[in-house]
Amino acid sequence: MLSMFTVYERPKDFPEEFVVREYLIGQNQVTASRVVARAPTLDAARRRLRTTRPHLVRVPRAERDDPVIVESWI
């Protein structure tokens, strides 16, 4: 199983914050796991990821992604 983390800017459920959510990627499915972090700024959200999971690599958002998605980390 692979973990992927997606950073959101002001999603509907947290309209004042940046949110990091974990997704678990299995052989035939992707499952939303949990909110890993809430932060007032993008830098704070990134800092949280880098501090707790230094092995992750940043992946920019794709044009077709929901506009509230900033980036993902795998």
PDB file of N, CA and C in Angstrom:
ATOM      1  N   MET A   1       0.855  -1.176   0.000  1.00  0.00           N
ATOM      2  CA  MET A   1       0.000   0.000   0.000  1.00  0.00           C
ATOM      3  C   MET A   1       0.904   1.243   0.000  1.00  0.00           C
ATOM      4  N   LEU A   2       0.539   2.229  -0.795  1.00  0.00           N
ATOM      5  CA  LEU A   2       1.278   3.480  -0.914  1.00  0.00           C
ATOM      6  C   LEU A   2       0.461   4.605  -0.293  1.00  0.00           C
ATOM      7  N   SER A   3       1.127   5.468   0.451  1.00  0.00           N
ATOM      8  CA  SER A   3       0.459   6.660   0.994  1.00  0.00           C
ATOM      9  C   SER A   3       0.775   7.859   0.116  1.00  0.00           C
ATOM     10  N   MET A   4      -0.234   8.660  -0.159  1.00  0.00           N
ATOM     11  CA  MET A   4      -0.073   9.910  -0.885  1.00  0.00           C
ATOM     12  C   MET A   4      -0.756  10.991  -0.057  1.00  0.00           C
ATOM     13  N   PHE A   5      -0.187  12.173  -0.044  1.00  0.00           N
ATOM     14  CA  PHE A   5      -0.735  13.272   0.736  1.00  0.00           C
ATOM     15  C   PHE A   5      -1.068  14.418  -0.209  1.00  0.00           C
ATOM     16  N   THR A   6      -2.278  14.950  -0.097  1.00  0.00           N
ATOM     17  CA  THR A   6      -2.718  16.047  -0.951  1.00  0.00           C
ATOM     18  C   THR A   6      -2.955  17.278  -0.098  1.00  0.00           C
ATOM     19  N   VAL A   7      -2.418  18.406  -0.572  1.00  0.00           N
ATOM     20  CA  VAL A   7      -2.579  19.683   0.122  1.00  0.00           C
ATOM     21  C   VAL A   7      -3.695  20.458  -0.565  1.00  0.00           C
ATOM     22  N   TYR A   8      -4.643  20.911   0.231  1.00  0.00           N
ATOM     23  CA  TYR A   8      -5.797  21.673  -0.254  1.00  0.00           C
ATOM     24  C   TYR A   8      -5.754  23.090   0.306  1.00  0.00           C
ATOM     25  N   GLU A   9      -6.156  24.051  -0.511  1.00  0.00           N
ATOM     26  CA  GLU A   9      -6.290  25.432  -0.043  1.00  0.00           C
ATOM     27  C   GLU A   9      -7.764  25.745   0.160  1.00  0.00           C
ATOM     28  N   ARG A  10      -8.134  25.948   1.395  1.00  0.00           N
ATOM     29  CA  ARG A  10      -9.494  26.323   1.794  1.00  0.00           C
ATOM     30  C   ARG A  10     -10.578  25.404   1.218  1.00  0.00           C
ATOM     31  N   PRO A  11     -10.510  24.111   1.509  1.00  0.00           N
ATOM     32  CA  PRO A  11     -11.600  23.233   1.061  1.00  0.00           C
ATOM     33  C   PRO A  11     -12.890  23.583   1.794  1.00  0.00           C
ATOM     34  N   LYS A  12     -14.000  23.121   1.293  1.00  0.00           N
ATOM     35  CA  LYS A  12     -15.308  23.475   1.868  1.00  0.00           C
ATOM     36  C   LYS A  12     -15.421  23.142   3.345  1.00  0.00           C
ATOM     37  N   ASP A  13     -14.819  22.035   3.779  1.00  0.00           N
ATOM     38  CA  ASP A  13     -14.946  21.656   5.190  1.00  0.00           C
ATOM     39  C   ASP A  13     -13.988  22.407   6.116  1.00  0.00           C
ATOM     40  N   PHE A  14     -12.989  23.103   5.557  1.00  0.00           N
ATOM     41  CA  PHE A  14     -12.062  23.931   6.340  1.00  0.00           C
ATOM     42  C   PHE A  14     -11.793  25.218   5.551  1.00  0.00           C
ATOM     43  N   PRO A  15     -12.770  26.117   5.443  1.00  0.00           N
ATOM     44  CA  PRO A  15     -12.677  27.265   4.541  1.00  0.00           C
ATOM     45  C   PRO A  15     -11.637  28.326   4.905  1.00  0.00           C
ATOM     46  N   GLU A  16     -11.026  28.223   6.064  1.00  0.00           N
ATOM     47  CA  GLU A  16     -10.043  29.227   6.481  1.00  0.00           C
ATOM     48  C   GLU A  16      -8.620  28.683   6.532  1.00  0.00           C
ATOM     49  N   GLU A  17      -8.405  27.439   6.094  1.00  0.00           N
ATOM     50  CA  GLU A  17      -7.107  26.808   6.312  1.00  0.00           C
ATOM     51  C   GLU A  17      -6.624  26.023   5.096  1.00  0.00           C
ATOM     52  N   PHE A  18      -5.351  25.684   5.143  1.00  0.00           N
ATOM     53  CA  PHE A  18      -4.788  24.687   4.248  1.00  0.00           C
ATOM     54  C   PHE A  18      -4.913  23.351   4.965  1.00  0.00           C
ATOM     55  N   VAL A  19      -5.232  22.314   4.223  1.00  0.00           N
ATOM     56  CA  VAL A  19      -5.458  20.996   4.817  1.00  0.00           C
ATOM     57  C   VAL A  19      -4.631  19.964   4.054  1.00  0.00           C
ATOM     58  N   VAL A  20      -4.024  19.055   4.800  1.00  0.00           N
ATOM     59  CA  VAL A  20      -3.303  17.930   4.212  1.00  0.00           C
ATOM     60  C   VAL A  20      -4.095  16.666   4.519  1.00  0.00           C
ATOM     61  N   ARG A  21      -4.458  15.948   3.459  1.00  0.00           N
ATOM     62  CA  ARG A  21      -5.194  14.692   3.628  1.00  0.00           C
ATOM     63  C   ARG A  21      -4.352  13.538   3.091  1.00  0.00           C
ATOM     64  N   GLU A  22      -4.447  12.416   3.783  1.00  0.00           N
ATOM     65  CA  GLU A  22      -3.733  11.218   3.349  1.00  0.00           C
ATOM     66  C   GLU A  22      -4.668  10.324   2.535  1.00  0.00           C
ATOM     67  N   TYR A  23      -4.130   9.750   1.469  1.00  0.00           N
ATOM     68  CA  TYR A  23      -4.846   8.769   0.657  1.00  0.00           C
ATOM     69  C   TYR A  23      -4.014   7.494   0.617  1.00  0.00           C
ATOM     70  N   LEU A  24      -4.671   6.370   0.772  1.00  0.00           N
ATOM     71  CA  LEU A  24      -4.008   5.073   0.707  1.00  0.00           C
ATOM     72  C   LEU A  24      -4.302   4.455  -0.653  1.00  0.00           C
ATOM     73  N   ILE A  25      -3.243   4.133  -1.373  1.00  0.00           N
ATOM     74  CA  ILE A  25      -3.378   3.623  -2.731  1.00  0.00           C
ATOM     75  C   ILE A  25      -3.047   2.138  -2.728  1.00  0.00           C
ATOM     76  N   GLY A  26      -4.058   1.344  -3.042  1.00  0.00           N
ATOM     77  CA  GLY A  26      -3.884  -0.102  -3.115  1.00  0.00           C
ATOM     78  C   GLY A  26      -3.845  -0.559  -4.553  1.00  0.00           C
ATOM     79  N   GLN A  27      -3.894  -1.846  -4.745  1.00  0.00           N
ATOM     80  CA  GLN A  27      -3.784  -2.405  -6.083  1.00  0.00           C
ATOM     81  C   GLN A  27      -4.916  -1.946  -7.002  1.00  0.00           C
ATOM     82  N   ASN A  28      -6.132  -1.879  -6.488  1.00  0.00           N
ATOM     83  CA  ASN A  28      -7.274  -1.519  -7.329  1.00  0.00           C
ATOM     84  C   ASN A  28      -8.132  -0.412  -6.752  1.00  0.00           C
ATOM     85  N   GLN A  29      -7.627   0.304  -5.758  1.00  0.00           N
ATOM     86  CA  GLN A  29      -8.457   1.346  -5.153  1.00  0.00           C
ATOM     87  C   GLN A  29      -7.622   2.423  -4.479  1.00  0.00           C
ATOM     88  N   VAL A  30      -8.231   3.582  -4.367  1.00  0.00           N
ATOM     89  CA  VAL A  30      -7.667   4.693  -3.604  1.00  0.00           C
ATOM     90  C   VAL A  30      -8.670   5.015  -2.513  1.00  0.00           C
ATOM     91  N   THR A  31      -8.194   5.077  -1.277  1.00  0.00           N
ATOM     92  CA  THR A  31      -9.073   5.324  -0.141  1.00  0.00           C
ATOM     93  C   THR A  31      -8.634   6.578   0.593  1.00  0.00           C
ATOM     94  N   ALA A  32      -9.561   7.512   0.772  1.00  0.00           N
ATOM     95  CA  ALA A  32      -9.269   8.688   1.590  1.00  0.00           C
ATOM     96  C   ALA A  32      -9.118   8.217   3.024  1.00  0.00           C
ATOM     97  N   SER A  33      -8.042   8.632   3.660  1.00  0.00           N
ATOM     98  CA  SER A  33      -7.767   8.154   5.005  1.00  0.00           C
ATOM     99  C   SER A  33      -8.182   9.167   6.063  1.00  0.00           C
ATOM    100  N   ARG A  34      -7.386  10.216   6.209  1.00  0.00           N
ATOM    101  CA  ARG A  34      -7.649  11.153   7.301  1.00  0.00           C
ATOM    102  C   ARG A  34      -7.018  12.503   7.004  1.00  0.00           C
ATOM    103  N   VAL A  35      -7.417  13.478   7.788  1.00  0.00           N
ATOM    104  CA  VAL A  35      -6.763  14.781   7.737  1.00  0.00           C
ATOM    105  C   VAL A  35      -5.495  14.658   8.570  1.00  0.00           C
ATOM    106  N   VAL A  36      -4.363  14.917   7.956  1.00  0.00           N
ATOM    107  CA  VAL A  36      -3.076  14.794   8.625  1.00  0.00           C
ATOM    108  C   VAL A  36      -2.690  16.102   9.300  1.00  0.00           C
ATOM    109  N   ALA A  37      -3.014  17.224   8.643  1.00  0.00           N
ATOM    110  CA  ALA A  37      -2.619  18.519   9.190  1.00  0.00           C
ATOM    111  C   ALA A  37      -3.571  19.602   8.715  1.00  0.00           C
ATOM    112  N   ARG A  38      -3.709  20.598   9.559  1.00  0.00           N
ATOM    113  CA  ARG A  38      -4.412  21.834   9.215  1.00  0.00           C
ATOM    114  C   ARG A  38      -3.432  22.954   9.513  1.00  0.00           C
ATOM    115  N   ALA A  39      -3.342  23.915   8.595  1.00  0.00           N
ATOM    116  CA  ALA A  39      -2.345  24.971   8.756  1.00  0.00           C
ATOM    117  C   ALA A  39      -2.884  26.294   8.223  1.00  0.00           C
ATOM    118  N   PRO A  40      -2.402  27.415   8.778  1.00  0.00           N
ATOM    119  CA  PRO A  40      -2.874  28.719   8.317  1.00  0.00           C
ATOM    120  C   PRO A  40      -2.275  29.147   6.977  1.00  0.00           C
ATOM    121  N   THR A  41      -1.119  28.564   6.609  1.00  0.00           N
ATOM    122  CA  THR A  41      -0.450  28.943   5.358  1.00  0.00           C
ATOM    123  C   THR A  41       0.049  27.698   4.627  1.00  0.00           C
ATOM    124  N   LEU A  42       0.336  27.869   3.348  1.00  0.00           N
ATOM    125  CA  LEU A  42       0.902  26.776   2.562  1.00  0.00           C
ATOM    126  C   LEU A  42       2.272  26.388   3.104  1.00  0.00           C
ATOM    127  N   ASP A  43       3.088  27.373   3.444  1.00  0.00           N
ATOM    128  CA  ASP A  43       4.414  27.068   3.998  1.00  0.00           C
ATOM    129  C   ASP A  43       4.318  26.236   5.267  1.00  0.00           C
ATOM    130  N   ALA A  44       3.361  26.543   6.113  1.00  0.00           N
ATOM    131  CA  ALA A  44       3.184  25.779   7.354  1.00  0.00           C
ATOM    132  C   ALA A  44       2.754  24.342   7.052  1.00  0.00           C
ATOM    133  N   ALA A  45       1.893  24.158   6.072  1.00  0.00           N
ATOM    134  CA  ALA A  45       1.463  22.805   5.691  1.00  0.00           C
ATOM    135  C   ALA A  45       2.643  22.012   5.132  1.00  0.00           C
ATOM    136  N   ARG A  46       3.446  22.654   4.284  1.00  0.00           N
ATOM    137  CA  ARG A  46       4.626  21.984   3.730  1.00  0.00           C
ATOM    138  C   ARG A  46       5.632  21.637   4.824  1.00  0.00           C
ATOM    139  N   ARG A  47       5.836  22.554   5.727  1.00  0.00           N
ATOM    140  CA  ARG A  47       6.766  22.329   6.836  1.00  0.00           C
ATOM    141  C   ARG A  47       6.342  21.107   7.654  1.00  0.00           C
ATOM    142  N   ARG A  48       5.053  21.003   7.885  1.00  0.00           N
ATOM    143  CA  ARG A  48       4.528  19.860   8.647  1.00  0.00           C
ATOM    144  C   ARG A  48       4.823  18.545   7.928  1.00  0.00           C
ATOM    145  N   LEU A  49       4.602  18.518   6.620  1.00  0.00           N
ATOM    146  CA  LEU A  49       4.893  17.302   5.855  1.00  0.00           C
ATOM    147  C   LEU A  49       6.386  16.980   5.866  1.00  0.00           C
ATOM    148  N   ARG A  50       7.211  17.980   5.621  1.00  0.00           N
ATOM    149  CA  ARG A  50       8.666  17.748   5.568  1.00  0.00           C
ATOM    150  C   ARG A  50       9.225  17.305   6.913  1.00  0.00           C
ATOM    151  N   THR A  51       8.640  17.808   7.985  1.00  0.00           N
ATOM    152  CA  THR A  51       9.112  17.454   9.324  1.00  0.00           C
ATOM    153  C   THR A  51       8.722  16.028   9.690  1.00  0.00           C
ATOM    154  N   THR A  52       7.499  15.662   9.388  1.00  0.00           N
ATOM    155  CA  THR A  52       7.009  14.345   9.804  1.00  0.00           C
ATOM    156  C   THR A  52       7.289  13.243   8.786  1.00  0.00           C
ATOM    157  N   ARG A  53       7.478  13.613   7.530  1.00  0.00           N
ATOM    158  CA  ARG A  53       7.716  12.617   6.471  1.00  0.00           C
ATOM    159  C   ARG A  53       8.755  13.157   5.482  1.00  0.00           C
ATOM    160  N   PRO A  54      10.020  13.213   5.890  1.00  0.00           N
ATOM    161  CA  PRO A  54      11.059  13.847   5.068  1.00  0.00           C
ATOM    162  C   PRO A  54      11.365  13.127   3.755  1.00  0.00           C
ATOM    163  N   HIS A  55      10.918  11.908   3.588  1.00  0.00           N
ATOM    164  CA  HIS A  55      11.193  11.133   2.377  1.00  0.00           C
ATOM    165  C   HIS A  55      10.253  11.468   1.217  1.00  0.00           C
ATOM    166  N   LEU A  56       9.218  12.251   1.458  1.00  0.00           N
ATOM    167  CA  LEU A  56       8.217  12.527   0.421  1.00  0.00           C
ATOM    168  C   LEU A  56       8.755  13.451  -0.663  1.00  0.00           C
ATOM    169  N   VAL A  57       8.175  13.308  -1.852  1.00  0.00           N
ATOM    170  CA  VAL A  57       8.523  14.141  -3.004  1.00  0.00           C
ATOM    171  C   VAL A  57       7.271  14.891  -3.440  1.00  0.00           C
ATOM    172  N   ARG A  58       7.433  16.195  -3.712  1.00  0.00           N
ATOM    173  CA  ARG A  58       6.312  17.053  -4.111  1.00  0.00           C
ATOM    174  C   ARG A  58       5.958  16.834  -5.579  1.00  0.00           C
ATOM    175  N   VAL A  59       4.644  16.765  -5.856  1.00  0.00           N
ATOM    176  CA  VAL A  59       4.125  16.645  -7.216  1.00  0.00           C
ATOM    177  C   VAL A  59       3.160  17.811  -7.435  1.00  0.00           C
ATOM    178  N   PRO A  60       3.425  18.683  -8.424  1.00  0.00           N
ATOM    179  CA  PRO A  60       2.517  19.814  -8.662  1.00  0.00           C
ATOM    180  C   PRO A  60       1.126  19.336  -9.076  1.00  0.00           C
ATOM    181  N   ARG A  61       0.146  20.194  -8.874  1.00  0.00           N
ATOM    182  CA  ARG A  61      -1.222  19.856  -9.274  1.00  0.00           C
ATOM    183  C   ARG A  61      -1.306  19.783 -10.795  1.00  0.00           C
ATOM    184  N   ALA A  62      -2.208  18.962 -11.270  1.00  0.00           N
ATOM    185  CA  ALA A  62      -2.481  18.852 -12.704  1.00  0.00           C
ATOM    186  C   ALA A  62      -3.595  19.838 -13.059  1.00  0.00           C
ATOM    187  N   GLU A  63      -3.630  20.283 -14.288  1.00  0.00           N
ATOM    188  CA  GLU A  63      -4.658  21.238 -14.718  1.00  0.00           C
ATOM    189  C   GLU A  63      -6.067  20.724 -14.475  1.00  0.00           C
ATOM    190  N   ARG A  64      -6.264  19.437 -14.573  1.00  0.00           N
ATOM    191  CA  ARG A  64      -7.609  18.864 -14.421  1.00  0.00           C
ATOM    192  C   ARG A  64      -8.008  18.663 -12.961  1.00  0.00           C
ATOM    193  N   ASP A  65      -7.082  18.876 -12.025  1.00  0.00           N
ATOM    194  CA  ASP A  65      -7.402  18.726 -10.599  1.00  0.00           C
ATOM    195  C   ASP A  65      -8.404  19.777 -10.144  1.00  0.00           C
ATOM    196  N   ASP A  66      -9.104  19.458  -9.090  1.00  0.00           N
ATOM    197  CA  ASP A  66     -10.003  20.414  -8.442  1.00  0.00           C
ATOM    198  C   ASP A  66      -9.190  21.663  -8.089  1.00  0.00           C
ATOM    199  N   PRO A  67      -9.730  22.862  -8.303  1.00  0.00           N
ATOM    200  CA  PRO A  67      -8.979  24.095  -8.037  1.00  0.00           C
ATOM    201  C   PRO A  67      -8.480  24.250  -6.598  1.00  0.00           C
ATOM    202  N   VAL A  68      -9.096  23.592  -5.637  1.00  0.00           N
ATOM    203  CA  VAL A  68      -8.625  23.724  -4.250  1.00  0.00           C
ATOM    204  C   VAL A  68      -7.393  22.865  -3.970  1.00  0.00           C
ATOM    205  N   ILE A  69      -7.038  21.965  -4.886  1.00  0.00           N
ATOM    206  CA  ILE A  69      -5.823  21.163  -4.714  1.00  0.00           C
ATOM    207  C   ILE A  69      -4.621  22.013  -5.087  1.00  0.00           C
ATOM    208  N   VAL A  70      -3.656  22.082  -4.171  1.00  0.00           N
ATOM    209  CA  VAL A  70      -2.430  22.841  -4.404  1.00  0.00           C
ATOM    210  C   VAL A  70      -1.349  21.935  -4.977  1.00  0.00           C
ATOM    211  N   GLU A  71      -1.165  20.768  -4.343  1.00  0.00           N
ATOM    212  CA  GLU A  71      -0.102  19.848  -4.726  1.00  0.00           C
ATOM    213  C   GLU A  71      -0.311  18.529  -3.993  1.00  0.00           C
ATOM    214  N   SER A  72       0.453  17.535  -4.400  1.00  0.00           N
ATOM    215  CA  SER A  72       0.445  16.248  -3.701  1.00  0.00           C
ATOM    216  C   SER A  72       1.877  15.873  -3.366  1.00  0.00           C
ATOM    217  N   TRP A  73       2.019  14.950  -2.423  1.00  0.00           N
ATOM    218  CA  TRP A  73       3.329  14.456  -1.991  1.00  0.00           C
ATOM    219  C   TRP A  73       3.269  12.938  -1.956  1.00  0.00           C
ATOM    220  N   ILE A  74       4.265  12.298  -2.576  1.00  0.00           N
ATOM    221  CA  ILE A  74       4.318  10.829  -2.543  1.00  0.00           C
ATOM    222  C   ILE A  74       5.697  10.374  -2.108  1.00  0.00           C
TER     223      ILE A  74
END
